[in-house]
């Protein structure tokens, strides 16, 4: 389910960038806004993904059924 929400979010982000680039906005402004937006989303999504991986690893390690 988490993967579905990530795909939906990325679709909206990419769709917004495509809409911005196909508008009559000056290209230098579109490029600047795209880079700022992509960096901002990277700052949000990459740490969230890493924390989820870290939490999953600790969950597996502390799960008593996973120990044999």
Protein backbone atom coordinates (compact mmCIF):
# COMPACT_ATOMS: atom_id res chain seq x y z
CA UNK A 1 0.00 0.00 0.00
CA UNK A 2 2.88 2.33 0.81
CA UNK A 3 4.33 1.78 -2.66
CA UNK A 4 1.01 2.77 -4.23
CA UNK A 5 0.95 6.09 -2.35
CA UNK A 6 4.55 6.77 -3.39
CA UNK A 7 3.69 6.10 -7.04
CA UNK A 8 0.67 8.43 -6.81
CA UNK A 9 2.79 11.16 -5.20
CA UNK A 10 5.53 10.85 -7.82
CA UNK A 11 2.92 10.94 -10.60
CA UNK A 12 1.53 14.23 -9.28
CA UNK A 13 5.00 15.72 -8.87
CA UNK A 14 6.10 14.73 -12.38
CA UNK A 15 2.74 15.81 -13.82
CA UNK A 16 3.13 19.22 -12.19
CA UNK A 17 6.58 19.62 -13.68
CA UNK A 18 5.31 18.63 -17.12
CA UNK A 19 2.46 21.12 -16.83
CA UNK A 20 4.88 23.84 -15.81
CA UNK A 21 7.24 23.12 -18.71
CA UNK A 22 4.43 23.08 -21.27
CA UNK A 23 3.00 26.41 -20.05
CA UNK A 24 4.07 29.80 -21.36
CA UNK A 25 6.43 30.30 -18.41
CA UNK A 26 9.97 31.43 -19.35
CA UNK A 27 12.31 28.45 -19.62
CA UNK A 28 14.91 29.78 -17.19
CA UNK A 29 12.24 30.27 -14.52
CA UNK A 30 10.79 26.79 -15.19
CA UNK A 31 14.24 25.26 -14.85
CA UNK A 32 14.93 27.12 -11.61
CA UNK A 33 11.57 26.11 -10.11
CA UNK A 34 12.00 22.51 -11.23
CA UNK A 35 15.40 22.25 -9.56
CA UNK A 36 14.14 23.84 -6.34
CA UNK A 37 11.07 21.59 -6.29
CA UNK A 38 13.04 18.43 -7.03
CA UNK A 39 15.59 19.25 -4.33
CA UNK A 40 12.82 19.95 -1.84
CA UNK A 41 11.05 16.68 -2.53
CA UNK A 42 14.37 14.85 -2.37
CA UNK A 43 15.00 16.33 1.08
CA UNK A 44 11.56 15.10 2.16
CA UNK A 45 11.34 11.68 0.50
CA UNK A 46 14.88 10.29 0.80
CA UNK A 47 15.12 10.58 4.62
CA UNK A 48 11.57 9.23 5.00
CA UNK A 49 12.48 6.21 2.85
CA UNK A 50 15.71 5.62 4.79
CA UNK A 51 13.90 5.80 8.13
CA UNK A 52 11.31 3.28 6.92
CA UNK A 53 14.12 0.90 5.89
CA UNK A 54 15.83 1.38 9.25
CA UNK A 55 12.57 0.74 11.14
CA UNK A 56 11.87 -2.40 9.09
CA UNK A 57 15.36 -3.74 9.85
CA UNK A 58 14.89 -3.15 13.57
CA UNK A 59 11.42 -4.68 13.47
CA UNK A 60 12.81 -7.86 11.91
CA UNK A 61 15.61 -8.00 14.43
CA UNK A 62 13.32 -7.61 17.46
CA UNK A 63 10.62 -9.99 16.17
CA UNK A 64 10.81 -13.17 18.31
CA UNK A 65 9.33 -15.34 15.56
CA UNK A 66 12.13 -14.43 13.15
CA UNK A 67 14.73 -15.95 15.48
CA UNK A 68 15.40 -19.63 14.92
